[in-house]
């Protein structure tokens, strides 16, 4: 059993066709953990198997499972098609890591310019405008901290790869989900029982602590600065960022200085902190995008209202102070 088997009992032909396009296959060499999986921190070691390719298929199958709507399912499938190598590291490079929107800009352009994708869309009487923006479909994506297919998939996916949840526990949570109308009059993936909603929300906070931890933030900023130097030295170009990770890494290793810095990056296993910036060494102060999910339970309301302990846990996470200087080795 794997996650894809949990998400949907069937695997529609249109998904099979689209995942074999050149543009989509590229995502099999773009990781979900934004380069952190190349470091030596144990939490990320299993993440090498979790790619934007896996995630996007999962999102699409979740949408298909709950809607049986081809437009929404394709929009979910293609939502990460513009992800650059190391994904949100490029947001750090662009100075946009707290909103993480800069890497979405090319989605429409890639879909519109792909001969392979356009042929498949025409086969199903669809156009680029039907599928380029998954934000149009609330089951696919909605405003944080509501639950959407995208947030559901990366929460379950990372919960498994970080070792927080077993496949069986993930299946039990997934089987509790239905679609209901929320307080905003929109369809939303929701839990049938409070117990499963609490279990899911709790593990989503565990994930969020990883996404924002000193290890993650330092690693992403270090890699962003490494890529910035590589671009400055003309070892890679911005265009290279939209190829695959193996190719970019190979180019970095051809330059003596960059190879040394890349090796230092892959050997990272310790983080040091300081309230004040030390005078010597590479130290960075990095804010974080604090992501959390507050799902609804059918006919009962949001989990934060229904569980006092969980409400405190969310508040504690949102109040973490990231104003600290980080270094690593």
Protein backbone atom coordinates (compact mmCIF):
# COMPACT_ATOMS: atom_id res chain seq x y z
CA UNK A 1 0.00 0.00 0.00
CA UNK A 2 1.20 3.54 -0.74
CA UNK A 3 -0.32 6.99 -0.40
CA UNK A 4 -1.66 7.03 -3.95
CA UNK A 5 -3.61 3.83 -3.24
CA UNK A 6 -5.19 5.55 -0.23
CA UNK A 7 -6.19 8.71 -2.09
CA UNK A 8 -8.29 7.15 -4.85
CA UNK A 9 -9.61 3.74 -5.84
CA UNK A 10 -9.17 4.58 -9.52
CA UNK A 11 -6.43 6.31 -11.49
CA UNK A 12 -8.09 8.22 -14.36
CA UNK A 13 -6.66 8.02 -17.86
CA UNK A 14 -6.30 11.81 -18.16
CA UNK A 15 -3.96 11.81 -15.15
CA UNK A 16 -1.88 9.01 -16.66
CA UNK A 17 -1.61 11.00 -19.89
CA UNK A 18 -0.58 14.25 -18.24
CA UNK A 19 2.02 12.76 -15.91
CA UNK A 20 3.86 11.41 -18.95
CA UNK A 21 4.35 14.85 -20.49
CA UNK A 22 7.85 16.29 -20.55
CA UNK A 23 6.92 19.24 -18.33
CA UNK A 24 5.34 17.08 -15.66
CA UNK A 25 8.00 14.37 -15.60
CA UNK A 26 10.53 17.07 -14.69
CA UNK A 27 8.90 17.24 -11.24
CA UNK A 28 10.19 13.73 -10.43
CA UNK A 29 13.56 15.42 -9.87
CA UNK A 30 12.27 18.33 -7.76
CA UNK A 31 11.94 17.46 -4.09
CA UNK A 32 9.19 18.35 -1.64
CA UNK A 33 11.60 19.25 1.14
CA UNK A 34 13.25 22.13 -0.70
CA UNK A 35 16.80 20.84 -0.76
CA UNK A 36 16.85 19.89 2.94
CA UNK A 37 16.77 16.24 1.92
CA UNK A 38 20.35 16.64 0.62
CA UNK A 39 21.65 17.60 4.08
CA UNK A 40 22.68 15.14 6.80
CA UNK A 41 19.89 16.02 9.21
CA UNK A 42 18.07 12.73 10.05
CA UNK A 43 14.55 14.23 9.92
CA UNK A 44 14.90 14.78 6.17
CA UNK A 45 16.63 11.52 5.23
CA UNK A 46 13.52 9.70 4.00
CA UNK A 47 12.28 12.79 2.16
CA UNK A 48 14.44 11.95 -0.86
CA UNK A 49 11.57 9.74 -2.04
CA UNK A 50 8.98 12.51 -1.78
CA UNK A 51 8.94 14.73 -4.87
CA UNK A 52 6.72 17.40 -6.41
CA UNK A 53 5.76 14.66 -8.90
CA UNK A 54 4.41 12.41 -6.10
CA UNK A 55 2.74 15.32 -4.34
CA UNK A 56 1.00 16.65 -7.46
CA UNK A 57 -0.38 13.25 -8.39
CA UNK A 58 -1.63 12.88 -4.83
CA UNK A 59 -3.36 16.27 -4.89
CA UNK A 60 -5.06 15.39 -8.19
CA UNK A 61 -6.26 12.01 -6.93
CA UNK A 62 -7.62 13.56 -3.73
CA UNK A 63 -9.58 16.09 -5.78
CA UNK A 64 -10.82 13.35 -8.10
CA UNK A 65 -11.86 11.20 -5.14
CA UNK A 66 -13.99 13.99 -3.66
CA UNK A 67 -15.31 15.72 -6.80
CA UNK A 68 -14.98 13.47 -9.87
CA UNK A 69 -14.38 16.77 -11.70
CA UNK A 70 -11.78 16.70 -14.46
CA UNK A 71 -11.08 20.46 -14.49
CA UNK A 72 -10.39 20.60 -10.78
CA UNK A 73 -8.33 17.42 -10.85
CA UNK A 74 -6.11 18.66 -13.67
CA UNK A 75 -5.70 22.06 -12.00
CA UNK A 76 -4.52 20.24 -8.88
CA UNK A 77 -2.23 18.01 -10.90
CA UNK A 78 -0.55 20.97 -12.61
CA UNK A 79 -0.42 23.37 -9.66
CA UNK A 80 3.30 22.76 -9.05
CA UNK A 81 4.38 22.43 -12.67
CA UNK A 82 6.34 25.67 -12.47
CA UNK A 83 8.21 24.65 -9.31
CA UNK A 84 11.92 25.36 -9.77
CA UNK A 85 14.69 23.12 -8.47
CA UNK A 86 14.74 23.01 -4.66
CA UNK A 87 11.24 24.55 -4.84
CA UNK A 88 10.74 27.22 -2.15
CA UNK A 89 14.49 27.80 -1.80
CA UNK A 90 13.99 29.99 -4.87
CA UNK A 91 11.49 32.04 -2.86
CA UNK A 92 14.35 32.67 -0.43
CA UNK A 93 16.47 33.65 -3.43
CA UNK A 94 13.71 36.01 -4.62
CA UNK A 95 13.11 37.47 -1.14
CA UNK A 96 9.60 35.98 -1.07
CA UNK A 97 9.91 33.06 1.34
CA UNK A 98 7.27 34.33 3.79
CA UNK A 99 4.51 34.34 1.15
CA UNK A 100 6.01 31.74 -1.24
CA UNK A 101 4.20 33.05 -4.31
CA UNK A 102 7.08 33.94 -6.64
CA UNK A 103 7.53 30.35 -7.84
CA UNK A 104 3.91 30.16 -9.07
CA UNK A 105 4.29 32.88 -11.69
CA UNK A 106 5.21 30.62 -14.62
CA UNK A 107 2.38 28.09 -14.24
CA UNK A 108 0.10 29.53 -16.92
CA UNK A 109 2.99 30.10 -19.33
CA UNK A 110 4.28 26.51 -19.01
CA UNK A 111 0.84 24.98 -19.55
CA UNK A 112 0.04 27.27 -22.49
CA UNK A 113 3.38 26.63 -24.21
CA UNK A 114 3.44 22.86 -23.78
CA UNK A 115 2.41 21.13 -27.00
CA UNK A 116 1.93 17.84 -25.13
CA UNK A 117 -0.28 19.30 -22.41
CA UNK A 118 -2.31 21.34 -24.91
CA UNK A 119 -3.05 18.24 -26.98
CA UNK A 120 -4.37 16.42 -23.91
CA UNK A 121 -6.45 19.40 -22.78
CA UNK A 122 -8.04 19.70 -26.25
CA UNK A 123 -8.87 16.00 -26.15
CA UNK A 124 -11.06 16.72 -23.12
CA UNK A 125 -12.41 20.04 -24.47
CA UNK A 126 -10.43 22.05 -21.93
CA UNK A 127 -8.24 25.11 -22.24
CA UNK A 128 -5.40 26.63 -20.24
CA UNK A 129 -7.80 28.99 -18.44
CA UNK A 130 -9.71 25.98 -17.06
CA UNK A 131 -6.71 24.50 -15.27
CA UNK A 132 -3.83 26.96 -14.78
CA UNK A 133 -5.04 28.37 -11.45
CA UNK A 134 -6.03 25.81 -8.85
CA UNK A 135 -6.96 28.63 -6.49
CA UNK A 136 -10.21 28.84 -8.48
CA UNK A 137 -11.37 25.57 -6.94
CA UNK A 138 -11.84 25.55 -3.13
CA UNK A 139 -11.46 21.78 -2.82
CA UNK A 140 -8.06 22.08 -4.52
CA UNK A 141 -6.97 25.20 -2.67
CA UNK A 142 -8.52 27.72 -0.33
CA UNK A 143 -7.47 30.33 2.19
CA UNK A 144 -5.24 29.16 5.02
CA UNK A 145 -5.88 27.72 7.58
CA UNK A 146 -8.78 25.87 5.91
CA UNK A 147 -8.24 22.32 4.67
CA UNK A 148 -7.67 21.82 0.93
CA UNK A 149 -6.42 18.92 -1.19
CA UNK A 150 -3.00 20.56 -1.45
CA UNK A 151 -2.59 21.03 2.33
CA UNK A 152 -4.08 17.60 2.99
CA UNK A 153 -1.60 15.84 0.70
CA UNK A 154 1.58 17.50 1.89
CA UNK A 155 0.49 17.05 5.51
CA UNK A 156 -0.13 13.33 5.08
CA UNK A 157 2.89 12.90 2.82
CA UNK A 158 5.32 14.59 5.17
CA UNK A 159 3.75 12.92 8.23
CA UNK A 160 4.69 9.60 6.63
CA UNK A 161 8.17 10.57 5.41
CA UNK A 162 9.10 12.26 8.70
CA UNK A 163 7.99 9.09 10.51
CA UNK A 164 5.21 10.79 12.47
CA UNK A 165 2.44 8.54 11.12
CA UNK A 166 2.18 5.03 9.70
CA UNK A 167 0.44 4.29 6.42
CA UNK A 168 -2.38 2.65 8.37
CA UNK A 169 -2.90 5.74 10.55
CA UNK A 170 -2.94 7.93 7.45
CA UNK A 171 -5.56 5.73 5.82
CA UNK A 172 -7.75 5.90 8.92
CA UNK A 173 -7.62 9.70 8.93
CA UNK A 174 -8.28 9.89 5.19
CA UNK A 175 -11.26 7.55 5.40
CA UNK A 176 -12.86 9.92 7.92
CA UNK A 177 -12.97 12.77 5.40
CA UNK A 178 -16.03 14.02 3.49
CA UNK A 179 -16.94 17.23 1.70
CA UNK A 180 -19.24 19.68 3.46
CA UNK A 181 -20.16 23.35 3.19
CA UNK A 182 -18.16 25.62 5.48
CA UNK A 183 -19.10 28.87 7.20
CA UNK A 184 -18.10 30.80 4.05
CA UNK A 185 -20.55 28.89 1.88
CA UNK A 186 -17.77 26.96 0.12
CA UNK A 187 -17.21 23.25 -0.23
CA UNK A 188 -14.40 22.07 2.02
CA UNK A 189 -12.82 18.73 2.81
CA UNK A 190 -13.92 18.07 6.38
CA UNK A 191 -13.66 15.45 9.10
CA UNK A 192 -16.62 13.34 10.17
CA UNK A 193 -15.32 12.82 13.70
CA UNK A 194 -13.56 15.09 16.18
CA UNK A 195 -10.99 12.44 17.15
CA UNK A 196 -9.59 12.20 13.64
CA UNK A 197 -9.68 15.97 13.20
CA UNK A 198 -7.61 16.36 16.37
CA UNK A 199 -5.18 13.65 15.26
CA UNK A 200 -4.70 15.29 11.87
CA UNK A 201 -4.35 18.82 13.23
CA UNK A 202 -1.84 17.67 15.81
CA UNK A 203 0.38 16.01 13.21
CA UNK A 204 0.03 19.05 10.93
CA UNK A 205 1.49 21.15 13.75
CA UNK A 206 4.32 18.62 14.13
CA UNK A 207 5.00 19.06 10.41
CA UNK A 208 4.82 22.85 10.70
CA UNK A 209 7.44 22.78 13.42
CA UNK A 210 9.73 20.99 10.98
CA UNK A 211 8.93 23.46 8.16
CA UNK A 212 9.93 26.36 10.42
CA UNK A 213 12.64 24.82 12.59
CA UNK A 214 16.16 26.26 12.76
CA UNK A 215 17.45 23.32 10.71
CA UNK A 216 15.01 23.91 7.85
CA UNK A 217 15.34 27.69 7.76
CA UNK A 218 19.13 27.69 7.89
CA UNK A 219 19.44 24.97 5.23
CA UNK A 220 17.13 26.77 2.81
CA UNK A 221 18.84 30.14 3.28
CA UNK A 222 22.29 28.56 2.89
CA UNK A 223 21.23 26.86 -0.34
CA UNK A 224 19.61 30.06 -1.64
CA UNK A 225 22.85 31.96 -1.02
CA UNK A 226 24.82 29.17 -2.70
CA UNK A 227 22.60 29.39 -5.78
CA UNK A 228 22.84 33.19 -5.76
CA UNK A 229 26.65 32.89 -5.82
CA UNK A 230 26.44 30.32 -8.63
CA UNK A 231 24.32 32.72 -10.69
CA UNK A 232 26.70 35.60 -9.95
CA UNK A 233 29.63 33.47 -11.11
CA UNK A 234 27.60 32.45 -14.20
CA UNK A 235 27.98 28.79 -13.35
CA UNK A 236 24.19 28.52 -13.61
CA UNK A 237 21.50 30.85 -14.95
CA UNK A 238 17.98 31.59 -13.74
CA UNK A 239 16.81 29.39 -16.62
CA UNK A 240 18.72 26.44 -15.12
CA UNK A 241 16.52 26.70 -12.04
CA UNK A 242 13.65 25.37 -14.15
CA UNK A 243 15.46 22.21 -15.17
CA UNK A 244 16.04 19.40 -12.64
CA UNK A 245 18.02 19.18 -9.42
CA UNK A 246 20.54 16.62 -10.66
CA UNK A 247 21.57 18.90 -13.53
CA UNK A 248 21.99 21.95 -11.31
CA UNK A 249 23.99 20.01 -8.72
CA UNK A 250 26.26 18.65 -11.47
CA UNK A 251 26.94 22.23 -12.64
CA UNK A 252 27.69 23.40 -9.11
CA UNK A 253 30.24 20.61 -8.70
CA UNK A 254 32.16 21.77 -11.78
CA UNK A 255 33.24 24.93 -9.93
CA UNK A 256 35.81 24.38 -7.16
CA UNK A 257 34.37 26.97 -4.74
CA UNK A 258 30.76 25.95 -5.30
CA UNK A 259 31.60 22.26 -5.02
CA UNK A 260 33.18 22.91 -1.63
CA UNK A 261 30.12 24.88 -0.46
CA UNK A 262 27.78 22.17 -1.79
CA UNK A 263 29.73 19.51 0.11
CA UNK A 264 29.48 21.63 3.26
CA UNK A 265 25.72 21.86 2.65
CA UNK A 266 25.28 18.10 2.27
CA UNK A 267 27.30 17.50 5.44
CA UNK A 268 25.21 19.86 7.56
CA UNK A 269 24.22 18.05 10.75
CA UNK A 270 24.42 20.70 13.49
CA UNK A 271 22.81 24.11 14.01
CA UNK A 272 24.16 26.83 16.29
CA UNK A 273 22.13 29.76 17.60
CA UNK A 274 22.93 33.22 18.94
CA UNK A 275 20.76 36.09 20.17
CA UNK A 276 23.27 38.57 18.76
CA UNK A 277 25.03 38.26 15.42
CA UNK A 278 28.60 36.98 15.93
CA UNK A 279 31.34 38.93 14.17
CA UNK A 280 32.84 35.93 12.37
CA UNK A 281 31.40 33.20 10.20
CA UNK A 282 28.23 32.67 8.16
CA UNK A 283 25.22 33.66 10.32
CA UNK A 284 21.69 34.34 9.14
CA UNK A 285 18.51 35.67 10.74
CA UNK A 286 15.48 34.22 8.98
CA UNK A 287 11.76 34.79 9.63
CA UNK A 288 9.40 31.92 8.84
CA UNK A 289 6.11 31.34 7.09
CA UNK A 290 3.98 29.85 9.88
CA UNK A 291 1.65 27.33 8.28
CA UNK A 292 -1.07 25.56 10.21
CA UNK A 293 -4.39 23.92 9.40
CA UNK A 294 -7.66 24.34 11.29
CA UNK A 295 -10.05 21.82 9.71
CA UNK A 296 -13.76 21.66 10.34
CA UNK A 297 -15.74 18.78 11.76
CA UNK A 298 -19.08 18.27 10.02
CA UNK A 299 -21.93 20.01 11.87
CA UNK A 300 -19.65 20.89 14.82
CA UNK A 301 -17.25 23.61 13.69
CA UNK A 302 -13.50 24.20 13.60
CA UNK A 303 -11.22 21.94 15.58
CA UNK A 304 -9.61 24.92 17.35
CA UNK A 305 -12.99 25.72 18.90
CA UNK A 306 -13.74 22.10 19.75
CA UNK A 307 -10.42 21.27 21.42
CA UNK A 308 -8.98 23.63 24.02
CA UNK A 309 -5.66 21.76 24.10
CA UNK A 310 -5.26 21.96 20.35
CA UNK A 311 -6.17 25.64 20.35
CA UNK A 312 -3.34 26.26 22.83
CA UNK A 313 -0.99 24.17 20.71
CA UNK A 314 -1.78 26.29 17.64
CA UNK A 315 -1.33 29.53 19.61
CA UNK A 316 2.00 28.34 21.00
CA UNK A 317 3.22 27.57 17.50
CA UNK A 318 2.07 30.92 16.11
CA UNK A 319 3.83 32.74 18.95
CA UNK A 320 7.26 31.19 18.41
CA UNK A 321 9.89 33.91 18.11
CA UNK A 322 12.26 33.34 15.19
CA UNK A 323 14.37 36.42 15.88
CA UNK A 324 17.59 34.48 16.36
CA UNK A 325 20.87 34.14 14.46
CA UNK A 326 21.69 30.74 12.98
CA UNK A 327 24.80 28.99 11.74
CA UNK A 328 25.61 25.38 11.01
CA UNK A 329 28.17 22.75 10.17
